[in-house]
PDB file of N, CA and C in Angstrom:
ATOM      1  N   UNK A   1       0.897  -1.331   0.921  1.00  0.00           N
ATOM      2  CA  UNK A   1      -0.226  -0.247  -0.229  1.00  0.00           C
ATOM      3  C   UNK A   1       1.362   1.067   0.321  1.00  0.00           C
ATOM      4  N   UNK A   2       0.514   2.455  -0.797  1.00  0.00           N
ATOM      5  CA  UNK A   2       1.910   3.267  -1.301  1.00  0.00           C
ATOM      6  C   UNK A   2       1.599   4.195   0.336  1.00  0.00           C
ATOM      7  N   UNK A   3       2.351   5.247   0.974  1.00  0.00           N
ATOM      8  CA  UNK A   3       1.537   5.797   1.576  1.00  0.00           C
ATOM      9  C   UNK A   3       1.161   7.089   0.721  1.00  0.00           C
ATOM     10  N   UNK A   4      -0.017   7.725   1.085  1.00  0.00           N
ATOM     11  CA  UNK A   4      -0.350   8.439   0.469  1.00  0.00           C
ATOM     12  C   UNK A   4      -0.580  10.072   1.870  1.00  0.00           C
ATOM     13  N   UNK A   5       1.112   9.573   2.735  1.00  0.00           N
ATOM     14  CA  UNK A   5       0.836  10.443   3.565  1.00  0.00           C
ATOM     15  C   UNK A   5       2.168  12.085   3.690  1.00  0.00           C
ATOM     16  N   UNK A   6       0.826  12.958   3.347  1.00  0.00           N
ATOM     17  CA  UNK A   6       1.619  14.503   3.090  1.00  0.00           C
ATOM     18  C   UNK A   6       2.561  15.355   4.185  1.00  0.00           C
ATOM     19  N   UNK A   7       3.322  15.641   3.861  1.00  0.00           N
ATOM     20  CA  UNK A   7       4.709  16.671   4.893  1.00  0.00           C
ATOM     21  C   UNK A   7       3.594  17.946   5.113  1.00  0.00           C
ATOM     22  N   UNK A   8       3.555  18.636   5.945  1.00  0.00           N
ATOM     23  CA  UNK A   8       2.000  20.003   6.050  1.00  0.00           C
ATOM     24  C   UNK A   8       2.913  20.964   5.826  1.00  0.00           C
ATOM     25  N   UNK A   9       2.525  21.272   4.803  1.00  0.00           N
ATOM     26  CA  UNK A   9       3.473  23.117   4.527  1.00  0.00           C
ATOM     27  C   UNK A   9       3.042  24.111   5.714  1.00  0.00           C
ATOM     28  N   UNK A  10       3.943  24.569   6.010  1.00  0.00           N
ATOM     29  CA  UNK A  10       4.375  25.943   7.030  1.00  0.00           C
ATOM     30  C   UNK A  10       2.912  26.810   6.849  1.00  0.00           C
ATOM     31  N   UNK A  11       2.424  27.317   7.454  1.00  0.00           N
ATOM     32  CA  UNK A  11       0.704  28.110   7.697  1.00  0.00           C
ATOM     33  C   UNK A  11       1.243  29.180   7.359  1.00  0.00           C
ATOM     34  N   UNK A  12       2.759  29.860   7.353  1.00  0.00           N
ATOM     35  CA  UNK A  12       3.078  31.329   6.900  1.00  0.00           C
ATOM     36  C   UNK A  12       3.328  31.422   4.908  1.00  0.00           C
ATOM     37  N   UNK A  13       3.517  30.137   4.942  1.00  0.00           N
ATOM     38  CA  UNK A  13       3.536  29.962   3.152  1.00  0.00           C
ATOM     39  C   UNK A  13       1.989  30.198   2.073  1.00  0.00           C
ATOM     40  N   UNK A  14       1.652  29.114   3.275  1.00  0.00           N
ATOM     41  CA  UNK A  14       0.028  28.028   2.956  1.00  0.00           C
ATOM     42  C   UNK A  14      -0.142  29.982   2.803  1.00  0.00           C
ATOM     43  N   UNK A  15      -0.360  30.673   3.784  1.00  0.00           N
ATOM     44  CA  UNK A  15      -0.782  32.079   3.743  1.00  0.00           C
ATOM     45  C   UNK A  15      -0.380  33.112   2.963  1.00  0.00           C
ATOM     46  N   UNK A  16       0.758  32.851   2.829  1.00  0.00           N
ATOM     47  CA  UNK A  16       1.155  33.757   1.248  1.00  0.00           C
ATOM     48  C   UNK A  16       1.239  33.427  -0.098  1.00  0.00           C
ATOM     49  N   UNK A  17       1.195  31.532  -0.181  1.00  0.00           N
ATOM     50  CA  UNK A  17       0.623  31.271  -1.748  1.00  0.00           C
ATOM     51  C   UNK A  17      -1.231  31.986  -1.932  1.00  0.00           C
ATOM     52  N   UNK A  18      -1.857  30.900  -0.414  1.00  0.00           N
ATOM     53  CA  UNK A  18      -4.144  31.421  -1.156  1.00  0.00           C
ATOM     54  C   UNK A  18      -3.656  33.446  -1.506  1.00  0.00           C
ATOM     55  N   UNK A  19      -2.618  33.921  -0.667  1.00  0.00           N
ATOM     56  CA  UNK A  19      -3.181  35.255  -0.897  1.00  0.00           C
ATOM     57  C   UNK A  19      -2.483  36.399  -2.300  1.00  0.00           C
ATOM     58  N   UNK A  20      -1.147  35.487  -2.522  1.00  0.00           N
ATOM     59  CA  UNK A  20      -0.737  34.803  -3.731  1.00  0.00           C
ATOM     60  C   UNK A  20      -1.985  35.203  -4.815  1.00  0.00           C
ATOM     61  N   UNK A  21      -2.732  33.748  -5.063  1.00  0.00           N
ATOM     62  CA  UNK A  21      -2.998  33.456  -5.631  1.00  0.00           C
ATOM     63  C   UNK A  21      -4.692  34.066  -5.995  1.00  0.00           C
ATOM     64  N   UNK A  22      -4.990  34.819  -4.984  1.00  0.00           N
ATOM     65  CA  UNK A  22      -5.893  35.264  -5.298  1.00  0.00           C
ATOM     66  C   UNK A  22      -6.259  36.938  -4.947  1.00  0.00           C
ATOM     67  N   UNK A  23      -5.187  38.102  -4.894  1.00  0.00           N
ATOM     68  CA  UNK A  23      -4.664  38.885  -6.411  1.00  0.00           C
ATOM     69  C   UNK A  23      -4.554  38.833  -7.422  1.00  0.00           C
ATOM     70  N   UNK A  24      -3.597  37.757  -6.928  1.00  0.00           N
ATOM     71  CA  UNK A  24      -3.497  37.150  -8.778  1.00  0.00           C
ATOM     72  C   UNK A  24      -4.471  37.484  -9.936  1.00  0.00           C
ATOM     73  N   UNK A  25      -5.962  37.320  -9.060  1.00  0.00           N
ATOM     74  CA  UNK A  25      -6.738  36.779  -9.625  1.00  0.00           C
ATOM     75  C   UNK A  25      -7.868  35.969 -10.280  1.00  0.00           C
ATOM     76  N   UNK A  26      -7.865  35.035  -9.376  1.00  0.00           N
ATOM     77  CA  UNK A  26      -7.420  33.963  -8.496  1.00  0.00           C
ATOM     78  C   UNK A  26      -9.077  32.911  -7.703  1.00  0.00           C
ATOM     79  N   UNK A  27     -10.339  32.281  -9.004  1.00  0.00           N
ATOM     80  CA  UNK A  27     -11.467  32.632  -7.413  1.00  0.00           C
ATOM     81  C   UNK A  27     -11.373  31.224  -6.956  1.00  0.00           C
ATOM     82  N   UNK A  28     -11.050  31.479  -6.206  1.00  0.00           N
ATOM     83  CA  UNK A  28     -10.785  29.628  -5.465  1.00  0.00           C
ATOM     84  C   UNK A  28     -11.678  29.270  -4.942  1.00  0.00           C
ATOM     85  N   UNK A  29     -12.132  27.452  -4.937  1.00  0.00           N
ATOM     86  CA  UNK A  29     -14.146  27.554  -4.602  1.00  0.00           C
ATOM     87  C   UNK A  29     -13.227  26.909  -3.783  1.00  0.00           C
ATOM     88  N   UNK A  30     -13.720  26.662  -2.776  1.00  0.00           N
ATOM     89  CA  UNK A  30     -13.505  27.170  -1.338  1.00  0.00           C
ATOM     90  C   UNK A  30     -13.951  25.114  -0.969  1.00  0.00           C
ATOM     91  N   UNK A  31     -14.290  24.721  -1.442  1.00  0.00           N
ATOM     92  CA  UNK A  31     -15.231  22.721  -1.232  1.00  0.00           C
ATOM     93  C   UNK A  31     -13.555  22.551  -1.888  1.00  0.00           C
ATOM     94  N   UNK A  32     -13.207  22.726  -3.230  1.00  0.00           N
ATOM     95  CA  UNK A  32     -11.086  21.955  -3.623  1.00  0.00           C
ATOM     96  C   UNK A  32     -10.402  22.466  -1.805  1.00  0.00           C
ATOM     97  N   UNK A  33      -9.981  23.314  -0.949  1.00  0.00           N
ATOM     98  CA  UNK A  33      -9.269  23.709  -0.081  1.00  0.00           C
ATOM     99  C   UNK A  33      -9.330  23.284   0.861  1.00  0.00           C
ATOM    100  N   UNK A  34      -7.947  22.473   1.212  1.00  0.00           N
ATOM    101  CA  UNK A  34      -7.670  21.558   2.384  1.00  0.00           C
ATOM    102  C   UNK A  34      -8.073  22.828   4.151  1.00  0.00           C
ATOM    103  N   UNK A  35      -7.443  22.261   5.093  1.00  0.00           N
ATOM    104  CA  UNK A  35      -7.987  23.012   5.944  1.00  0.00           C
ATOM    105  C   UNK A  35      -6.145  24.390   6.547  1.00  0.00           C
ATOM    106  N   UNK A  36      -5.614  23.687   5.632  1.00  0.00           N
ATOM    107  CA  UNK A  36      -4.880  24.974   6.082  1.00  0.00           C
ATOM    108  C   UNK A  36      -5.836  26.696   4.994  1.00  0.00           C
ATOM    109  N   UNK A  37      -5.623  26.350   4.046  1.00  0.00           N
ATOM    110  CA  UNK A  37      -5.968  26.938   2.888  1.00  0.00           C
ATOM    111  C   UNK A  37      -7.317  27.537   3.458  1.00  0.00           C
ATOM    112  N   UNK A  38      -8.114  26.790   4.299  1.00  0.00           N
ATOM    113  CA  UNK A  38      -8.933  27.224   4.325  1.00  0.00           C
ATOM    114  C   UNK A  38      -9.010  28.799   5.486  1.00  0.00           C
ATOM    115  N   UNK A  39      -8.286  28.305   6.396  1.00  0.00           N
ATOM    116  CA  UNK A  39      -8.067  28.944   7.935  1.00  0.00           C
ATOM    117  C   UNK A  39      -6.821  30.697   7.277  1.00  0.00           C
ATOM    118  N   UNK A  40      -6.688  29.676   6.330  1.00  0.00           N
ATOM    119  CA  UNK A  40      -5.495  31.618   5.254  1.00  0.00           C
ATOM    120  C   UNK A  40      -6.373  32.042   4.673  1.00  0.00           C
ATOM    121  N   UNK A  41      -7.270  31.074   3.820  1.00  0.00           N
ATOM    122  CA  UNK A  41      -8.821  32.124   3.993  1.00  0.00           C
ATOM    123  C   UNK A  41      -9.155  32.742   4.550  1.00  0.00           C
ATOM    124  N   UNK A  42      -9.810  32.478   6.063  1.00  0.00           N
ATOM    125  CA  UNK A  42     -10.202  33.202   6.755  1.00  0.00           C
ATOM    126  C   UNK A  42      -9.498  34.532   7.380  1.00  0.00           C
ATOM    127  N   UNK A  43      -8.345  34.072   7.125  1.00  0.00           N
ATOM    128  CA  UNK A  43      -7.372  35.172   7.708  1.00  0.00           C
ATOM    129  C   UNK A  43      -7.561  36.808   7.208  1.00  0.00           C
ATOM    130  N   UNK A  44      -8.020  36.841   5.033  1.00  0.00           N
ATOM    131  CA  UNK A  44      -7.455  37.028   4.347  1.00  0.00           C
ATOM    132  C   UNK A  44      -9.167  38.085   4.697  1.00  0.00           C
ATOM    133  N   UNK A  45     -10.593  36.681   4.646  1.00  0.00           N
ATOM    134  CA  UNK A  45     -11.193  37.814   5.247  1.00  0.00           C
ATOM    135  C   UNK A  45     -11.802  38.964   5.641  1.00  0.00           C
ATOM    136  N   UNK A  46     -10.557  38.312   7.103  1.00  0.00           N
ATOM    137  CA  UNK A  46     -10.826  39.427   7.992  1.00  0.00           C
ATOM    138  C   UNK A  46     -10.559  40.263   8.081  1.00  0.00           C
ATOM    139  N   UNK A  47      -9.756  40.520   7.288  1.00  0.00           N
ATOM    140  CA  UNK A  47      -8.539  41.027   7.457  1.00  0.00           C
ATOM    141  C   UNK A  47      -9.510  42.366   5.711  1.00  0.00           C
ATOM    142  N   UNK A  48     -10.150  42.008   5.890  1.00  0.00           N
ATOM    143  CA  UNK A  48     -10.573  42.454   4.637  1.00  0.00           C
ATOM    144  C   UNK A  48     -10.513  42.858   2.897  1.00  0.00           C
ATOM    145  N   UNK A  49      -9.563  41.893   2.965  1.00  0.00           N
ATOM    146  CA  UNK A  49      -8.419  41.995   1.133  1.00  0.00           C
ATOM    147  C   UNK A  49      -9.632  40.818   0.853  1.00  0.00           C
ATOM    148  N   UNK A  50     -10.179  40.177   1.215  1.00  0.00           N
ATOM    149  CA  UNK A  50     -11.200  39.024   0.457  1.00  0.00           C
ATOM    150  C   UNK A  50     -12.484  38.295   1.014  1.00  0.00           C
ATOM    151  N   UNK A  51     -13.294  37.723  -0.116  1.00  0.00           N
ATOM    152  CA  UNK A  51     -14.336  37.890   0.058  1.00  0.00           C
ATOM    153  C   UNK A  51     -15.085  36.919  -0.698  1.00  0.00           C
ATOM    154  N   UNK A  52     -16.062  36.389  -0.107  1.00  0.00           N
ATOM    155  CA  UNK A  52     -17.061  34.780  -0.439  1.00  0.00           C
ATOM    156  C   UNK A  52     -17.915  35.748  -1.518  1.00  0.00           C
ATOM    157  N   UNK A  53     -17.782  34.739  -2.745  1.00  0.00           N
ATOM    158  CA  UNK A  53     -19.453  35.636  -3.933  1.00  0.00           C
ATOM    159  C   UNK A  53     -19.628  33.951  -4.341  1.00  0.00           C
ATOM    160  N   UNK A  54     -20.731  34.031  -4.478  1.00  0.00           N
ATOM    161  CA  UNK A  54     -21.491  32.620  -4.934  1.00  0.00           C
ATOM    162  C   UNK A  54     -21.465  32.646  -7.392  1.00  0.00           C
ATOM    163  N   UNK A  55     -21.284  31.958  -6.775  1.00  0.00           N
ATOM    164  CA  UNK A  55     -21.363  32.007  -8.493  1.00  0.00           C
ATOM    165  C   UNK A  55     -21.109  30.095  -8.908  1.00  0.00           C
ATOM    166  N   UNK A  56     -22.963  30.467  -9.698  1.00  0.00           N
ATOM    167  CA  UNK A  56     -23.153  28.805 -10.241  1.00  0.00           C
ATOM    168  C   UNK A  56     -23.460  27.971  -8.677  1.00  0.00           C
ATOM    169  N   UNK A  57     -23.836  29.205  -7.917  1.00  0.00           N
ATOM    170  CA  UNK A  57     -23.997  28.098  -6.709  1.00  0.00           C
ATOM    171  C   UNK A  57     -23.850  27.506  -6.475  1.00  0.00           C
ATOM    172  N   UNK A  58     -21.895  27.475  -6.788  1.00  0.00           N
ATOM    173  CA  UNK A  58     -20.776  27.778  -5.382  1.00  0.00           C
ATOM    174  C   UNK A  58     -20.277  28.516  -4.576  1.00  0.00           C
ATOM    175  N   UNK A  59     -19.289  28.503  -4.290  1.00  0.00           N
ATOM    176  CA  UNK A  59     -18.343  29.464  -3.070  1.00  0.00           C
ATOM    177  C   UNK A  59     -17.414  30.016  -2.996  1.00  0.00           C
ATOM    178  N   UNK A  60     -17.064  30.928  -3.440  1.00  0.00           N
ATOM    179  CA  UNK A  60     -15.727  31.118  -4.103  1.00  0.00           C
ATOM    180  C   UNK A  60     -15.109  32.340  -3.734  1.00  0.00           C
ATOM    181  N   UNK A  61     -13.999  31.948  -3.081  1.00  0.00           N
ATOM    182  CA  UNK A  61     -12.602  32.881  -2.312  1.00  0.00           C
ATOM    183  C   UNK A  61     -12.207  33.610  -3.193  1.00  0.00           C
ATOM    184  N   UNK A  62     -12.404  35.533  -3.655  1.00  0.00           N
ATOM    185  CA  UNK A  62     -11.631  35.886  -4.768  1.00  0.00           C
ATOM    186  C   UNK A  62     -12.031  37.494  -3.803  1.00  0.00           C
ATOM    187  N   UNK A  63     -10.826  38.423  -4.509  1.00  0.00           N
ATOM    188  CA  UNK A  63     -10.109  39.269  -3.966  1.00  0.00           C
ATOM    189  C   UNK A  63     -11.108  40.203  -3.449  1.00  0.00           C
ATOM    190  N   UNK A  64     -11.034  40.939  -2.684  1.00  0.00           N
ATOM    191  CA  UNK A  64     -12.037  41.486  -2.832  1.00  0.00           C
ATOM    192  C   UNK A  64     -11.847  42.979  -3.128  1.00  0.00           C
ATOM    193  N   UNK A  65     -12.840  44.158  -4.446  1.00  0.00           N
ATOM    194  CA  UNK A  65     -12.415  44.830  -4.761  1.00  0.00           C
ATOM    195  C   UNK A  65     -13.428  46.660  -3.705  1.00  0.00           C
ATOM    196  N   UNK A  66     -11.958  47.793  -3.696  1.00  0.00           N
ATOM    197  CA  UNK A  66     -12.970  48.858  -3.328  1.00  0.00           C
ATOM    198  C   UNK A  66     -13.966  49.472  -4.213  1.00  0.00           C
ATOM    199  N   UNK A  67     -15.058  50.092  -3.751  1.00  0.00           N
ATOM    200  CA  UNK A  67     -15.890  49.635  -4.614  1.00  0.00           C
ATOM    201  C   UNK A  67     -16.453  51.611  -4.747  1.00  0.00           C
ATOM    202  N   UNK A  68     -16.436  52.079  -5.039  1.00  0.00           N
ATOM    203  CA  UNK A  68     -16.883  53.750  -4.998  1.00  0.00           C
ATOM    204  C   UNK A  68     -17.948  54.243  -6.302  1.00  0.00           C
ATOM    205  N   UNK A  69     -19.424  54.661  -5.777  1.00  0.00           N
ATOM    206  CA  UNK A  69     -20.271  54.560  -6.711  1.00  0.00           C
ATOM    207  C   UNK A  69     -20.465  56.225  -6.834  1.00  0.00           C
ATOM    208  N   UNK A  70     -20.628  56.795  -7.237  1.00  0.00           N
ATOM    209  CA  UNK A  70     -20.522  58.596  -7.565  1.00  0.00           C
ATOM    210  C   UNK A  70     -22.270  57.977  -8.507  1.00  0.00           C
ATOM    211  N   UNK A  71     -23.401  59.552  -7.118  1.00  0.00           N
ATOM    212  CA  UNK A  71     -24.717  59.371  -7.444  1.00  0.00           C
ATOM    213  C   UNK A  71     -24.723  61.193  -8.843  1.00  0.00           C
TER     214      UNK A  71
END
């Protein structure tokens, strides 16, 4: 039986990787993220750098855009 045990990435490295992907315009499907990536996503959401949006009835993590409404 092959050894399917994975080594865990450093949390700071995981955070930087997820932050770079989101800031680069990627839409990350929340259902496909690992536990460490979800923890990094939570930090980004609380920091106001990312938000969860629904597209095609699926939750995605995307970069939060500053919106200015001129009336």
